[in-house]
C-alpha atoms as a PDB file:
ATOM      1  CA  UNK A   1      -0.033  -0.161  -0.104  1.00  0.00           C
ATOM      2  CA  UNK A   2       1.418   3.433  -0.955  1.00  0.00           C
ATOM      3  CA  UNK A   3       0.880   6.733   0.242  1.00  0.00           C
ATOM      4  CA  UNK A   4       1.369   9.738  -1.102  1.00  0.00           C
ATOM      5  CA  UNK A   5       2.149  12.387   1.616  1.00  0.00           C
ATOM      6  CA  UNK A   6       4.349  15.523   0.445  1.00  0.00           C
ATOM      7  CA  UNK A   7       6.228  15.308   3.397  1.00  0.00           C
ATOM      8  CA  UNK A   8       7.529  11.839   3.503  1.00  0.00           C
ATOM      9  CA  UNK A   9      11.006  10.649   3.540  1.00  0.00           C
ATOM     10  CA  UNK A  10      12.318   8.691   0.812  1.00  0.00           C
ATOM     11  CA  UNK A  11      13.528   6.037   3.345  1.00  0.00           C
ATOM     12  CA  UNK A  12       9.971   4.947   4.389  1.00  0.00           C
ATOM     13  CA  UNK A  13       6.673   6.229   4.986  1.00  0.00           C
ATOM     14  CA  UNK A  14       5.791   9.445   6.996  1.00  0.00           C
ATOM     15  CA  UNK A  15       4.588   9.635  10.093  1.00  0.00           C
ATOM     16  CA  UNK A  16       1.092  10.050   9.650  1.00  0.00           C
ATOM     17  CA  UNK A  17       0.838   6.666   7.905  1.00  0.00           C
ATOM     18  CA  UNK A  18       2.792   5.148  10.381  1.00  0.00           C
ATOM     19  CA  UNK A  19       0.330   6.347  13.108  1.00  0.00           C
ATOM     20  CA  UNK A  20      -2.298   5.095  11.051  1.00  0.00           C
ATOM     21  CA  UNK A  21      -1.103   1.857  10.716  1.00  0.00           C
ATOM     22  CA  UNK A  22      -0.305   1.490  14.212  1.00  0.00           C
ATOM     23  CA  UNK A  23      -4.125   2.947  15.714  1.00  0.00           C
ATOM     24  CA  UNK A  24      -5.742   0.022  14.097  1.00  0.00           C
ATOM     25  CA  UNK A  25      -3.912  -2.534  16.194  1.00  0.00           C
ATOM     26  CA  UNK A  26      -4.111  -0.243  19.627  1.00  0.00           C
ATOM     27  CA  UNK A  27      -7.692  -0.167  18.836  1.00  0.00           C
ATOM     28  CA  UNK A  28      -8.439  -3.818  18.167  1.00  0.00           C
ATOM     29  CA  UNK A  29      -6.178  -4.606  21.951  1.00  0.00           C
ATOM     30  CA  UNK A  30      -8.591  -2.082  23.711  1.00  0.00           C
ATOM     31  CA  UNK A  31     -11.747  -3.242  22.252  1.00  0.00           C
ATOM     32  CA  UNK A  32     -10.835  -6.652  23.319  1.00  0.00           C
ATOM     33  CA  UNK A  33     -10.056  -5.461  27.060  1.00  0.00           C
ATOM     34  CA  UNK A  34     -13.071  -3.680  26.605  1.00  0.00           C
ATOM     35  CA  UNK A  35     -15.046  -6.846  25.647  1.00  0.00           C
ATOM     36  CA  UNK A  36     -13.374  -8.827  28.124  1.00  0.00           C
ATOM     37  CA  UNK A  37     -14.120  -6.298  30.561  1.00  0.00           C
ATOM     38  CA  UNK A  38     -18.342  -6.825  30.193  1.00  0.00           C
ATOM     39  CA  UNK A  39     -18.019 -10.569  30.254  1.00  0.00           C
ATOM     40  CA  UNK A  40     -16.571 -10.657  33.383  1.00  0.00           C
ATOM     41  CA  UNK A  41     -18.794  -8.238  34.662  1.00  0.00           C
ATOM     42  CA  UNK A  42     -21.623 -10.319  33.462  1.00  0.00           C
ATOM     43  CA  UNK A  43     -19.849 -13.986  35.129  1.00  0.00           C
ATOM     44  CA  UNK A  44     -19.428 -12.335  38.162  1.00  0.00           C
ATOM     45  CA  UNK A  45     -22.857 -11.106  38.385  1.00  0.00           C
ATOM     46  CA  UNK A  46     -24.769 -14.696  37.589  1.00  0.00           C
ATOM     47  CA  UNK A  47     -22.020 -16.149  39.935  1.00  0.00           C
ATOM     48  CA  UNK A  48     -23.409 -14.314  43.152  1.00  0.00           C
ATOM     49  CA  UNK A  49     -26.963 -14.892  44.474  1.00  0.00           C
ATOM     50  CA  UNK A  50     -29.757 -12.579  44.518  1.00  0.00           C
ATOM     51  CA  UNK A  51     -30.145 -10.441  47.403  1.00  0.00           C
ATOM     52  CA  UNK A  52     -33.906 -10.936  48.305  1.00  0.00           C
ATOM     53  CA  UNK A  53     -35.624  -8.083  49.803  1.00  0.00           C
ATOM     54  CA  UNK A  54     -37.856  -9.975  51.980  1.00  0.00           C
ATOM     55  CA  UNK A  55     -38.513  -9.818  55.620  1.00  0.00           C
ATOM     56  CA  UNK A  56     -39.681 -13.819  55.117  1.00  0.00           C
ATOM     57  CA  UNK A  57     -36.814 -14.908  52.885  1.00  0.00           C
ATOM     58  CA  UNK A  58     -37.438 -18.202  54.696  1.00  0.00           C
ATOM     59  CA  UNK A  59     -41.247 -18.476  53.878  1.00  0.00           C
ATOM     60  CA  UNK A  60     -40.742 -17.523  50.485  1.00  0.00           C
ATOM     61  CA  UNK A  61     -37.726 -20.261  49.674  1.00  0.00           C
ATOM     62  CA  UNK A  62     -40.293 -22.778  51.745  1.00  0.00           C
ATOM     63  CA  UNK A  63     -43.113 -21.757  49.094  1.00  0.00           C
ATOM     64  CA  UNK A  64     -40.814 -22.524  45.925  1.00  0.00           C
ATOM     65  CA  UNK A  65     -39.805 -26.130  47.770  1.00  0.00           C
ATOM     66  CA  UNK A  66     -41.713 -29.197  45.316  1.00  0.00           C
ATOM     67  CA  UNK A  67     -44.872 -30.300  47.344  1.00  0.00           C
ATOM     68  CA  UNK A  68     -45.161 -33.777  47.849  1.00  0.00           C
ATOM     69  CA  UNK A  69     -41.405 -34.966  48.569  1.00  0.00           C
ATOM     70  CA  UNK A  70     -40.702 -37.284  51.854  1.00  0.00           C
ATOM     71  CA  UNK A  71     -38.515 -35.620  54.119  1.00  0.00           C
ATOM     72  CA  UNK A  72     -35.700 -36.899  56.679  1.00  0.00           C
ATOM     73  CA  UNK A  73     -38.116 -38.441  59.158  1.00  0.00           C
ATOM     74  CA  UNK A  74     -40.164 -39.969  56.809  1.00  0.00           C
ATOM     75  CA  UNK A  75     -37.283 -41.605  55.291  1.00  0.00           C
ATOM     76  CA  UNK A  76     -36.101 -42.450  58.678  1.00  0.00           C
ATOM     77  CA  UNK A  77     -39.357 -44.097  59.607  1.00  0.00           C
ATOM     78  CA  UNK A  78     -39.367 -45.736  55.917  1.00  0.00           C
ATOM     79  CA  UNK A  79     -35.888 -47.059  56.676  1.00  0.00           C
ATOM     80  CA  UNK A  80     -37.499 -48.708  59.788  1.00  0.00           C
ATOM     81  CA  UNK A  81     -40.592 -50.456  58.699  1.00  0.00           C
ATOM     82  CA  UNK A  82     -38.243 -51.800  55.439  1.00  0.00           C
ATOM     83  CA  UNK A  83     -35.788 -53.117  58.380  1.00  0.00           C
ATOM     84  CA  UNK A  84     -38.760 -55.536  59.735  1.00  0.00           C
ATOM     85  CA  UNK A  85     -38.699 -57.045  56.130  1.00  0.00           C
ATOM     86  CA  UNK A  86     -36.707 -60.717  56.360  1.00  0.00           C
ATOM     87  CA  UNK A  87     -33.238 -60.186  54.558  1.00  0.00           C
ATOM     88  CA  UNK A  88     -34.051 -62.442  51.862  1.00  0.00           C
ATOM     89  CA  UNK A  89     -37.098 -60.291  50.484  1.00  0.00           C
ATOM     90  CA  UNK A  90     -35.192 -56.680  51.870  1.00  0.00           C
ATOM     91  CA  UNK A  91     -32.640 -57.259  49.779  1.00  0.00           C
ATOM     92  CA  UNK A  92     -34.585 -58.544  46.493  1.00  0.00           C
ATOM     93  CA  UNK A  93     -36.773 -55.246  47.059  1.00  0.00           C
ATOM     94  CA  UNK A  94     -34.039 -53.095  47.353  1.00  0.00           C
ATOM     95  CA  UNK A  95     -32.434 -54.009  44.721  1.00  0.00           C
ATOM     96  CA  UNK A  96     -35.300 -54.211  42.051  1.00  0.00           C
ATOM     97  CA  UNK A  97     -37.637 -51.428  43.455  1.00  0.00           C
ATOM     98  CA  UNK A  98     -35.386 -48.541  44.792  1.00  0.00           C
ATOM     99  CA  UNK A  99     -31.880 -49.275  42.953  1.00  0.00           C
ATOM    100  CA  UNK A 100     -33.586 -49.980  39.907  1.00  0.00           C
ATOM    101  CA  UNK A 101     -31.766 -53.719  38.840  1.00  0.00           C
ATOM    102  CA  UNK A 102     -33.708 -56.164  36.465  1.00  0.00           C
ATOM    103  CA  UNK A 103     -35.378 -58.835  37.752  1.00  0.00           C
ATOM    104  CA  UNK A 104     -32.785 -61.174  36.062  1.00  0.00           C
ATOM    105  CA  UNK A 105     -29.309 -59.636  37.308  1.00  0.00           C
ATOM    106  CA  UNK A 106     -30.863 -59.474  41.144  1.00  0.00           C
ATOM    107  CA  UNK A 107     -31.270 -63.279  39.916  1.00  0.00           C
ATOM    108  CA  UNK A 108     -27.868 -64.179  38.932  1.00  0.00           C
ATOM    109  CA  UNK A 109     -26.356 -61.649  41.608  1.00  0.00           C
ATOM    110  CA  UNK A 110     -28.734 -63.744  44.484  1.00  0.00           C
ATOM    111  CA  UNK A 111     -27.799 -67.104  42.679  1.00  0.00           C
ATOM    112  CA  UNK A 112     -31.170 -68.043  41.855  1.00  0.00           C
ATOM    113  CA  UNK A 113     -34.253 -68.086  39.531  1.00  0.00           C
ATOM    114  CA  UNK A 114     -36.059 -65.007  38.110  1.00  0.00           C
ATOM    115  CA  UNK A 115     -39.224 -66.209  39.866  1.00  0.00           C
ATOM    116  CA  UNK A 116     -37.877 -66.623  43.170  1.00  0.00           C
ATOM    117  CA  UNK A 117     -36.950 -62.842  43.005  1.00  0.00           C
ATOM    118  CA  UNK A 118     -40.443 -61.556  41.617  1.00  0.00           C
ATOM    119  CA  UNK A 119     -41.982 -63.891  44.540  1.00  0.00           C
ATOM    120  CA  UNK A 120     -39.671 -61.763  47.289  1.00  0.00           C
ATOM    121  CA  UNK A 121     -40.564 -58.679  45.607  1.00  0.00           C
ATOM    122  CA  UNK A 122     -44.606 -59.494  46.028  1.00  0.00           C
ATOM    123  CA  UNK A 123     -43.911 -60.441  49.192  1.00  0.00           C
ATOM    124  CA  UNK A 124     -41.747 -57.875  50.741  1.00  0.00           C
ATOM    125  CA  UNK A 125     -44.431 -55.455  48.647  1.00  0.00           C
ATOM    126  CA  UNK A 126     -47.006 -57.077  50.723  1.00  0.00           C
ATOM    127  CA  UNK A 127     -45.661 -56.994  54.392  1.00  0.00           C
ATOM    128  CA  UNK A 128     -44.045 -53.319  53.589  1.00  0.00           C
ATOM    129  CA  UNK A 129     -47.347 -51.967  52.801  1.00  0.00           C
ATOM    130  CA  UNK A 130     -49.276 -53.759  55.480  1.00  0.00           C
ATOM    131  CA  UNK A 131     -46.469 -52.094  57.229  1.00  0.00           C
ATOM    132  CA  UNK A 132     -47.083 -48.714  56.565  1.00  0.00           C
ATOM    133  CA  UNK A 133     -50.855 -49.367  56.674  1.00  0.00           C
ATOM    134  CA  UNK A 134     -50.648 -49.807  60.516  1.00  0.00           C
ATOM    135  CA  UNK A 135     -47.815 -47.531  61.362  1.00  0.00           C
ATOM    136  CA  UNK A 136     -50.346 -44.832  59.706  1.00  0.00           C
ATOM    137  CA  UNK A 137     -53.019 -45.733  61.687  1.00  0.00           C
ATOM    138  CA  UNK A 138     -51.279 -45.895  65.101  1.00  0.00           C
ATOM    139  CA  UNK A 139     -49.997 -42.252  63.949  1.00  0.00           C
END
């Protein structure tokens, strides 16, 4: 790119051309710093929790929780009821109904036929439901 400047030196470009050439990389550099600063600002704002201007923030948090989920006390009570089921039945029940393993894998693991696993799960379920119904009536 050749520029004609009346005050240009015969050995190279004039100071105006050099200044214009150096201005473009400096502009790109400043804009990239500005872009990064804006992005960092958005990231920092999204990482911080939003401060709620509520007097009853615990009530607001409770209202946004899913309904119908068992709590810790329910989990302990269910664990106690499940502990009353005999171990063979409990193992088959937990592996199939809680963990979600297929019946044939549980049968291989326990070393018994699939029908035996199905029978143990059915009996464990009946005993568990009966115990749960009895506990609810007592409460």
